[in-house]
N, C-alpha and C. Protein backbone atom coordinates (compact mmCIF):
# COMPACT_ATOMS: atom_id res chain seq x y z
N MET A 1 7.23 -16.23 30.81
CA MET A 1 5.99 -15.64 30.37
C MET A 1 6.29 -14.70 29.20
N ALA A 2 5.69 -14.97 28.07
CA ALA A 2 5.92 -14.18 26.86
C ALA A 2 5.07 -12.91 26.87
N PHE A 3 5.54 -11.92 26.13
CA PHE A 3 4.81 -10.65 26.03
C PHE A 3 3.50 -10.86 25.29
N ARG A 4 2.44 -10.31 25.86
CA ARG A 4 1.13 -10.38 25.22
C ARG A 4 0.50 -9.01 25.28
N PHE A 5 0.20 -8.46 24.10
CA PHE A 5 -0.43 -7.15 24.01
C PHE A 5 -1.94 -7.35 24.06
N SER A 6 -2.57 -6.78 25.05
CA SER A 6 -4.00 -7.01 25.26
C SER A 6 -4.87 -6.43 24.15
N LEU A 7 -4.36 -5.47 23.43
CA LEU A 7 -5.13 -4.85 22.35
C LEU A 7 -4.64 -5.30 20.97
N ALA A 8 -4.07 -6.48 20.90
CA ALA A 8 -3.52 -6.98 19.64
C ALA A 8 -4.60 -7.10 18.56
N ALA A 9 -5.78 -7.54 18.94
CA ALA A 9 -6.86 -7.68 17.97
C ALA A 9 -7.29 -6.31 17.44
N VAL A 10 -7.33 -5.33 18.30
CA VAL A 10 -7.70 -3.98 17.89
C VAL A 10 -6.61 -3.41 16.96
N LEU A 11 -5.35 -3.66 17.30
CA LEU A 11 -4.25 -3.21 16.46
C LEU A 11 -4.34 -3.84 15.07
N LYS A 12 -4.61 -5.12 15.01
CA LYS A 12 -4.75 -5.82 13.73
C LYS A 12 -5.91 -5.22 12.93
N TYR A 13 -7.01 -4.94 13.62
CA TYR A 13 -8.16 -4.32 12.96
C TYR A 13 -7.77 -2.95 12.40
N ARG A 14 -7.03 -2.16 13.17
CA ARG A 14 -6.60 -0.83 12.73
C ARG A 14 -5.65 -0.94 11.52
N GLU A 15 -4.78 -1.94 11.54
CA GLU A 15 -3.88 -2.14 10.40
C GLU A 15 -4.67 -2.48 9.14
N ASN A 16 -5.68 -3.35 9.29
CA ASN A 16 -6.51 -3.72 8.14
C ASN A 16 -7.31 -2.52 7.63
N LEU A 17 -7.82 -1.73 8.55
CA LEU A 17 -8.57 -0.53 8.18
C LEU A 17 -7.67 0.45 7.43
N GLU A 18 -6.46 0.63 7.92
CA GLU A 18 -5.51 1.51 7.25
C GLU A 18 -5.20 1.00 5.84
N GLN A 19 -4.99 -0.30 5.72
CA GLN A 19 -4.70 -0.89 4.42
C GLN A 19 -5.86 -0.69 3.46
N ARG A 20 -7.08 -0.86 3.96
CA ARG A 20 -8.26 -0.68 3.11
C ARG A 20 -8.37 0.77 2.63
N GLU A 21 -8.10 1.72 3.52
CA GLU A 21 -8.16 3.13 3.13
C GLU A 21 -7.05 3.46 2.13
N TYR A 22 -5.88 2.85 2.31
CA TYR A 22 -4.77 3.07 1.39
C TYR A 22 -5.12 2.55 -0.01
N LEU A 23 -5.75 1.38 -0.07
CA LEU A 23 -6.15 0.82 -1.36
C LEU A 23 -7.22 1.67 -2.03
N ALA A 24 -8.16 2.19 -1.23
CA ALA A 24 -9.20 3.07 -1.78
C ALA A 24 -8.57 4.33 -2.36
N LEU A 25 -7.60 4.87 -1.66
CA LEU A 25 -6.88 6.05 -2.15
C LEU A 25 -6.16 5.73 -3.46
N GLY A 26 -5.56 4.57 -3.54
CA GLY A 26 -4.87 4.15 -4.76
C GLY A 26 -5.83 4.01 -5.93
N ARG A 27 -7.02 3.46 -5.66
CA ARG A 27 -8.02 3.33 -6.73
C ARG A 27 -8.44 4.71 -7.25
N VAL A 28 -8.63 5.65 -6.35
CA VAL A 28 -9.01 7.01 -6.78
C VAL A 28 -7.89 7.63 -7.60
N HIS A 29 -6.65 7.41 -7.20
CA HIS A 29 -5.51 7.92 -7.98
C HIS A 29 -5.51 7.33 -9.39
N GLN A 30 -5.83 6.03 -9.49
CA GLN A 30 -5.90 5.40 -10.81
C GLN A 30 -7.01 6.01 -11.66
N GLU A 31 -8.16 6.24 -11.03
CA GLU A 31 -9.27 6.84 -11.76
C GLU A 31 -8.90 8.24 -12.26
N ILE A 32 -8.23 9.00 -11.40
CA ILE A 32 -7.80 10.35 -11.80
C ILE A 32 -6.83 10.27 -12.98
N ALA A 33 -5.91 9.33 -12.93
CA ALA A 33 -4.94 9.17 -14.03
C ALA A 33 -5.66 8.80 -15.33
N GLN A 34 -6.68 7.94 -15.23
CA GLN A 34 -7.43 7.57 -16.43
C GLN A 34 -8.18 8.77 -17.01
N VAL A 35 -8.81 9.55 -16.14
CA VAL A 35 -9.54 10.73 -16.60
C VAL A 35 -8.57 11.74 -17.20
N GLU A 36 -7.41 11.90 -16.58
CA GLU A 36 -6.39 12.82 -17.13
C GLU A 36 -5.97 12.37 -18.53
N ALA A 37 -5.79 11.07 -18.71
CA ALA A 37 -5.39 10.55 -20.03
C ALA A 37 -6.50 10.78 -21.05
N GLN A 38 -7.74 10.53 -20.64
CA GLN A 38 -8.87 10.77 -21.54
C GLN A 38 -8.99 12.25 -21.89
N LEU A 39 -8.78 13.08 -20.90
CA LEU A 39 -8.85 14.52 -21.12
C LEU A 39 -7.75 14.98 -22.08
N SER A 40 -6.59 14.42 -21.92
CA SER A 40 -5.47 14.76 -22.81
C SER A 40 -5.78 14.35 -24.25
N ARG A 41 -6.30 13.12 -24.40
CA ARG A 41 -6.67 12.66 -25.76
C ARG A 41 -7.75 13.54 -26.35
N CYS A 42 -8.72 13.91 -25.55
CA CYS A 42 -9.81 14.76 -26.01
C CYS A 42 -9.28 16.12 -26.47
N GLU A 43 -8.36 16.67 -25.70
CA GLU A 43 -7.75 17.96 -26.08
C GLU A 43 -6.99 17.83 -27.39
N GLU A 44 -6.27 16.71 -27.56
CA GLU A 44 -5.53 16.49 -28.81
C GLU A 44 -6.48 16.39 -29.99
N TRP A 45 -7.56 15.61 -29.84
CA TRP A 45 -8.54 15.45 -30.92
C TRP A 45 -9.19 16.79 -31.25
N LEU A 46 -9.51 17.55 -30.22
CA LEU A 46 -10.13 18.84 -30.42
C LEU A 46 -9.20 19.77 -31.19
N SER A 47 -7.94 19.75 -30.84
CA SER A 47 -6.95 20.57 -31.54
C SER A 47 -6.82 20.13 -33.00
N GLU A 48 -6.78 18.82 -33.21
CA GLU A 48 -6.65 18.30 -34.58
C GLU A 48 -7.87 18.68 -35.43
N ILE A 49 -9.05 18.52 -34.84
CA ILE A 49 -10.27 18.82 -35.60
C ILE A 49 -10.35 20.31 -35.89
N THR A 50 -9.96 21.13 -34.92
CA THR A 50 -9.99 22.59 -35.13
C THR A 50 -9.01 22.98 -36.24
N ASN A 51 -7.82 22.42 -36.19
CA ASN A 51 -6.83 22.71 -37.24
C ASN A 51 -7.32 22.23 -38.61
N LEU A 52 -7.92 21.05 -38.65
CA LEU A 52 -8.43 20.51 -39.90
C LEU A 52 -9.55 21.39 -40.45
N ARG A 53 -10.46 21.81 -39.57
CA ARG A 53 -11.56 22.68 -39.99
C ARG A 53 -11.03 24.00 -40.52
N THR A 54 -10.04 24.56 -39.83
CA THR A 54 -9.47 25.83 -40.27
C THR A 54 -8.82 25.68 -41.64
N THR A 55 -8.10 24.60 -41.84
CA THR A 55 -7.44 24.35 -43.13
C THR A 55 -8.48 24.18 -44.24
N GLU A 56 -9.52 23.39 -43.95
CA GLU A 56 -10.54 23.14 -44.96
C GLU A 56 -11.35 24.41 -45.26
N THR A 57 -11.58 25.22 -44.24
CA THR A 57 -12.31 26.48 -44.45
C THR A 57 -11.52 27.41 -45.35
N ALA A 58 -10.21 27.45 -45.14
CA ALA A 58 -9.36 28.30 -45.97
C ALA A 58 -9.38 27.84 -47.43
N ARG A 59 -9.49 26.53 -47.65
CA ARG A 59 -9.53 25.97 -49.00
C ARG A 59 -10.91 26.10 -49.62
N GLY A 60 -11.88 26.27 -48.81
CA GLY A 60 -13.26 26.32 -49.30
C GLY A 60 -13.92 24.98 -49.03
N ILE A 61 -14.98 25.02 -48.28
CA ILE A 61 -15.65 23.79 -47.87
C ILE A 61 -17.15 24.02 -47.95
N ALA A 62 -17.86 22.99 -48.26
CA ALA A 62 -19.33 23.09 -48.31
C ALA A 62 -19.85 23.33 -46.91
N SER A 63 -20.94 24.07 -46.84
CA SER A 63 -21.50 24.42 -45.54
C SER A 63 -21.93 23.21 -44.75
N VAL A 64 -22.35 22.15 -45.41
CA VAL A 64 -22.76 20.92 -44.72
C VAL A 64 -21.57 20.32 -43.99
N HIS A 65 -20.43 20.27 -44.63
CA HIS A 65 -19.22 19.72 -44.01
C HIS A 65 -18.72 20.63 -42.89
N LEU A 66 -18.87 21.93 -43.09
CA LEU A 66 -18.48 22.88 -42.06
C LEU A 66 -19.36 22.71 -40.82
N GLN A 67 -20.65 22.51 -41.06
CA GLN A 67 -21.57 22.30 -39.95
C GLN A 67 -21.22 20.99 -39.21
N ASP A 68 -20.88 19.95 -39.93
CA ASP A 68 -20.46 18.68 -39.31
C ASP A 68 -19.21 18.89 -38.47
N ALA A 69 -18.27 19.67 -38.99
CA ALA A 69 -17.03 19.93 -38.26
C ALA A 69 -17.31 20.66 -36.95
N TYR A 70 -18.22 21.65 -37.02
CA TYR A 70 -18.58 22.38 -35.80
C TYR A 70 -19.29 21.48 -34.79
N GLU A 71 -20.12 20.59 -35.29
CA GLU A 71 -20.82 19.66 -34.39
C GLU A 71 -19.84 18.70 -33.72
N ARG A 72 -18.86 18.24 -34.47
CA ARG A 72 -17.83 17.37 -33.87
C ARG A 72 -17.04 18.14 -32.81
N GLU A 73 -16.71 19.38 -33.11
CA GLU A 73 -16.00 20.21 -32.12
C GLU A 73 -16.85 20.40 -30.87
N ARG A 74 -18.11 20.71 -31.06
CA ARG A 74 -19.00 20.89 -29.91
C ARG A 74 -19.11 19.61 -29.09
N GLY A 75 -19.19 18.49 -29.78
CA GLY A 75 -19.25 17.20 -29.08
C GLY A 75 -17.99 16.96 -28.25
N LEU A 76 -16.84 17.24 -28.84
CA LEU A 76 -15.58 17.06 -28.10
C LEU A 76 -15.46 18.07 -26.97
N GLU A 77 -15.93 19.29 -27.17
CA GLU A 77 -15.90 20.27 -26.09
C GLU A 77 -16.80 19.84 -24.93
N THR A 78 -17.96 19.29 -25.27
CA THR A 78 -18.87 18.77 -24.23
C THR A 78 -18.20 17.63 -23.48
N GLN A 79 -17.59 16.73 -24.23
CA GLN A 79 -16.89 15.60 -23.60
C GLN A 79 -15.76 16.10 -22.70
N ARG A 80 -15.01 17.10 -23.18
CA ARG A 80 -13.93 17.68 -22.39
C ARG A 80 -14.47 18.30 -21.10
N ASP A 81 -15.56 19.04 -21.22
CA ASP A 81 -16.15 19.67 -20.03
C ASP A 81 -16.62 18.62 -19.01
N GLU A 82 -17.22 17.53 -19.52
CA GLU A 82 -17.65 16.45 -18.63
C GLU A 82 -16.47 15.80 -17.93
N LEU A 83 -15.39 15.61 -18.67
CA LEU A 83 -14.18 15.02 -18.08
C LEU A 83 -13.57 15.95 -17.03
N GLN A 84 -13.62 17.24 -17.28
CA GLN A 84 -13.09 18.18 -16.29
C GLN A 84 -13.92 18.17 -15.01
N VAL A 85 -15.24 18.06 -15.16
CA VAL A 85 -16.12 17.97 -13.98
C VAL A 85 -15.82 16.67 -13.23
N LYS A 86 -15.67 15.58 -13.99
CA LYS A 86 -15.36 14.30 -13.35
C LYS A 86 -14.03 14.36 -12.62
N ARG A 87 -13.04 15.03 -13.22
CA ARG A 87 -11.74 15.18 -12.58
C ARG A 87 -11.86 15.95 -11.27
N GLN A 88 -12.66 17.01 -11.27
CA GLN A 88 -12.88 17.77 -10.04
C GLN A 88 -13.54 16.92 -8.97
N GLU A 89 -14.54 16.14 -9.37
CA GLU A 89 -15.22 15.26 -8.41
C GLU A 89 -14.25 14.23 -7.84
N LEU A 90 -13.41 13.68 -8.72
CA LEU A 90 -12.44 12.69 -8.26
C LEU A 90 -11.39 13.32 -7.35
N ASN A 91 -11.03 14.56 -7.61
CA ASN A 91 -10.08 15.24 -6.72
C ASN A 91 -10.69 15.45 -5.33
N MET A 92 -11.98 15.76 -5.30
CA MET A 92 -12.67 15.90 -4.01
C MET A 92 -12.70 14.54 -3.30
N LYS A 93 -12.99 13.50 -4.06
CA LYS A 93 -13.02 12.16 -3.49
C LYS A 93 -11.63 11.76 -2.99
N ARG A 94 -10.60 12.16 -3.74
CA ARG A 94 -9.23 11.86 -3.34
C ARG A 94 -8.90 12.52 -2.01
N LEU A 95 -9.33 13.76 -1.85
CA LEU A 95 -9.08 14.45 -0.58
C LEU A 95 -9.80 13.75 0.58
N GLN A 96 -11.02 13.30 0.34
CA GLN A 96 -11.75 12.57 1.38
C GLN A 96 -11.04 11.26 1.72
N CYS A 97 -10.61 10.54 0.70
CA CYS A 97 -9.90 9.28 0.93
C CYS A 97 -8.58 9.52 1.65
N LEU A 98 -7.91 10.60 1.30
CA LEU A 98 -6.65 10.93 1.95
C LEU A 98 -6.86 11.22 3.43
N LYS A 99 -7.91 11.97 3.74
CA LYS A 99 -8.22 12.26 5.14
C LYS A 99 -8.56 10.98 5.90
N ALA A 100 -9.36 10.11 5.29
CA ALA A 100 -9.72 8.85 5.93
C ALA A 100 -8.48 7.98 6.16
N TYR A 101 -7.58 7.96 5.17
CA TYR A 101 -6.35 7.18 5.30
C TYR A 101 -5.47 7.73 6.42
N GLU A 102 -5.31 9.06 6.44
CA GLU A 102 -4.47 9.66 7.48
C GLU A 102 -5.03 9.41 8.87
N LEU A 103 -6.35 9.48 9.01
CA LEU A 103 -6.98 9.20 10.30
C LEU A 103 -6.76 7.75 10.71
N ALA A 104 -6.94 6.84 9.77
CA ALA A 104 -6.72 5.42 10.06
C ALA A 104 -5.26 5.16 10.44
N ARG A 105 -4.34 5.82 9.73
CA ARG A 105 -2.91 5.67 10.03
C ARG A 105 -2.59 6.20 11.42
N GLN A 106 -3.15 7.34 11.78
CA GLN A 106 -2.91 7.92 13.10
C GLN A 106 -3.41 6.99 14.21
N LYS A 107 -4.60 6.45 14.02
CA LYS A 107 -5.16 5.55 15.03
C LYS A 107 -4.31 4.29 15.18
N ARG A 108 -3.82 3.78 14.05
CA ARG A 108 -2.95 2.60 14.10
C ARG A 108 -1.63 2.94 14.80
N GLU A 109 -1.07 4.10 14.47
CA GLU A 109 0.20 4.50 15.07
C GLU A 109 0.07 4.69 16.58
N ILE A 110 -1.06 5.20 17.03
CA ILE A 110 -1.28 5.37 18.47
C ILE A 110 -1.26 4.01 19.17
N LEU A 111 -1.98 3.05 18.60
CA LEU A 111 -1.99 1.71 19.20
C LEU A 111 -0.62 1.05 19.12
N GLU A 112 0.07 1.27 18.02
CA GLU A 112 1.41 0.70 17.86
C GLU A 112 2.37 1.30 18.90
N GLU A 113 2.24 2.59 19.13
CA GLU A 113 3.09 3.25 20.14
C GLU A 113 2.78 2.70 21.53
N LEU A 114 1.50 2.50 21.82
CA LEU A 114 1.11 1.91 23.10
C LEU A 114 1.69 0.50 23.24
N ARG A 115 1.63 -0.27 22.17
CA ARG A 115 2.20 -1.62 22.18
C ARG A 115 3.70 -1.56 22.43
N ASN A 116 4.39 -0.64 21.76
CA ASN A 116 5.84 -0.51 21.94
C ASN A 116 6.19 -0.11 23.37
N GLN A 117 5.41 0.79 23.94
CA GLN A 117 5.66 1.19 25.33
C GLN A 117 5.46 0.01 26.27
N GLN A 118 4.39 -0.76 26.05
CA GLN A 118 4.16 -1.92 26.90
C GLN A 118 5.25 -2.97 26.70
N LEU A 119 5.71 -3.14 25.49
CA LEU A 119 6.79 -4.09 25.23
C LEU A 119 8.08 -3.65 25.92
N ASN A 120 8.38 -2.36 25.84
CA ASN A 120 9.58 -1.85 26.52
C ASN A 120 9.48 -2.06 28.03
N THR A 121 8.31 -1.80 28.59
CA THR A 121 8.09 -2.02 30.02
C THR A 121 8.27 -3.49 30.36
N TYR A 122 7.72 -4.36 29.52
CA TYR A 122 7.84 -5.81 29.72
C TYR A 122 9.30 -6.24 29.68
N VAL A 123 10.05 -5.77 28.67
CA VAL A 123 11.46 -6.14 28.53
C VAL A 123 12.26 -5.65 29.74
N LEU A 124 12.00 -4.44 30.18
CA LEU A 124 12.69 -3.89 31.34
C LEU A 124 12.37 -4.71 32.59
N ASP A 125 11.10 -5.05 32.75
CA ASP A 125 10.70 -5.86 33.90
C ASP A 125 11.35 -7.25 33.85
N GLN A 126 11.40 -7.84 32.66
CA GLN A 126 12.03 -9.15 32.52
C GLN A 126 13.53 -9.08 32.84
N SER A 127 14.18 -8.05 32.40
CA SER A 127 15.62 -7.95 32.67
C SER A 127 15.85 -7.71 34.17
N ARG A 128 14.98 -6.99 34.83
CA ARG A 128 15.10 -6.81 36.28
C ARG A 128 14.90 -8.14 37.01
N ARG A 129 13.94 -8.93 36.56
CA ARG A 129 13.72 -10.24 37.18
C ARG A 129 14.94 -11.13 36.99
N GLU A 130 15.48 -11.11 35.77
CA GLU A 130 16.68 -11.91 35.50
C GLU A 130 17.84 -11.46 36.40
N GLN A 131 17.98 -10.15 36.54
CA GLN A 131 19.05 -9.63 37.38
C GLN A 131 18.84 -10.05 38.83
N ARG A 132 17.59 -10.04 39.30
CA ARG A 132 17.31 -10.49 40.67
C ARG A 132 17.67 -11.96 40.85
N LYS A 133 17.36 -12.78 39.85
CA LYS A 133 17.70 -14.20 39.93
C LYS A 133 19.22 -14.37 40.02
N VAL A 134 19.93 -13.64 39.17
CA VAL A 134 21.39 -13.73 39.18
C VAL A 134 21.94 -13.27 40.53
N ASP A 135 21.38 -12.17 41.03
CA ASP A 135 21.82 -11.66 42.34
C ASP A 135 21.52 -12.67 43.45
N ASP A 136 20.33 -13.27 43.42
CA ASP A 136 19.96 -14.28 44.43
C ASP A 136 20.89 -15.49 44.36
N MET A 137 21.22 -15.92 43.14
CA MET A 137 22.13 -17.06 42.99
C MET A 137 23.51 -16.71 43.53
N PHE A 138 23.97 -15.52 43.25
CA PHE A 138 25.28 -15.08 43.73
C PHE A 138 25.29 -15.03 45.26
N LEU A 139 24.23 -14.46 45.85
CA LEU A 139 24.17 -14.36 47.31
C LEU A 139 24.08 -15.73 47.96
N SER A 140 23.31 -16.63 47.35
CA SER A 140 23.20 -17.98 47.93
C SER A 140 24.54 -18.71 47.86
N ARG A 141 25.31 -18.56 46.81
CA ARG A 141 26.64 -19.18 46.71
C ARG A 141 27.59 -18.55 47.72
N LEU A 142 27.45 -17.25 47.86
CA LEU A 142 28.31 -16.54 48.82
C LEU A 142 28.02 -17.01 50.25
N LYS A 143 26.74 -17.23 50.59
CA LYS A 143 26.37 -17.70 51.92
C LYS A 143 26.87 -19.12 52.14
N ARG A 144 26.84 -19.97 51.12
CA ARG A 144 27.29 -21.34 51.27
C ARG A 144 28.80 -21.38 51.53
N ARG A 145 29.52 -20.49 50.97
CA ARG A 145 30.99 -20.48 51.16
C ARG A 145 31.36 -20.01 52.57
N SER A 146 30.51 -19.14 53.13
CA SER A 146 30.89 -18.64 54.45
C SER A 146 30.37 -19.44 55.56
């Protein structure tokens, strides 16, 4: 008689649930990395535009061009602020996904531990049965000799 875990279907479900939560967490990490990269580029552009505006102002620039430069800076600052808000939202989402993943992992580990305990009990019981068979065979041979 082979070992059969009665909650095998539930364990498989828990493993799939854990995997799904892990993938969701990975997707959020990717989104955060993308936003971080966009934020970094935005900061670089903002720095370049500010330096360019400062240089051109020192050389003398028409007020129309100066106004355009300020508008571009404001646009990049707005974009930067939006990206920072998005990053904060994604970090909150990451924490939620992390909690969901950890909960799914714990539930799977509990079932896995139960399965391991039942398997150990099964193996111990099987070895005792085998030992009884060996003992019975030995005793029956011993009785035949006497």
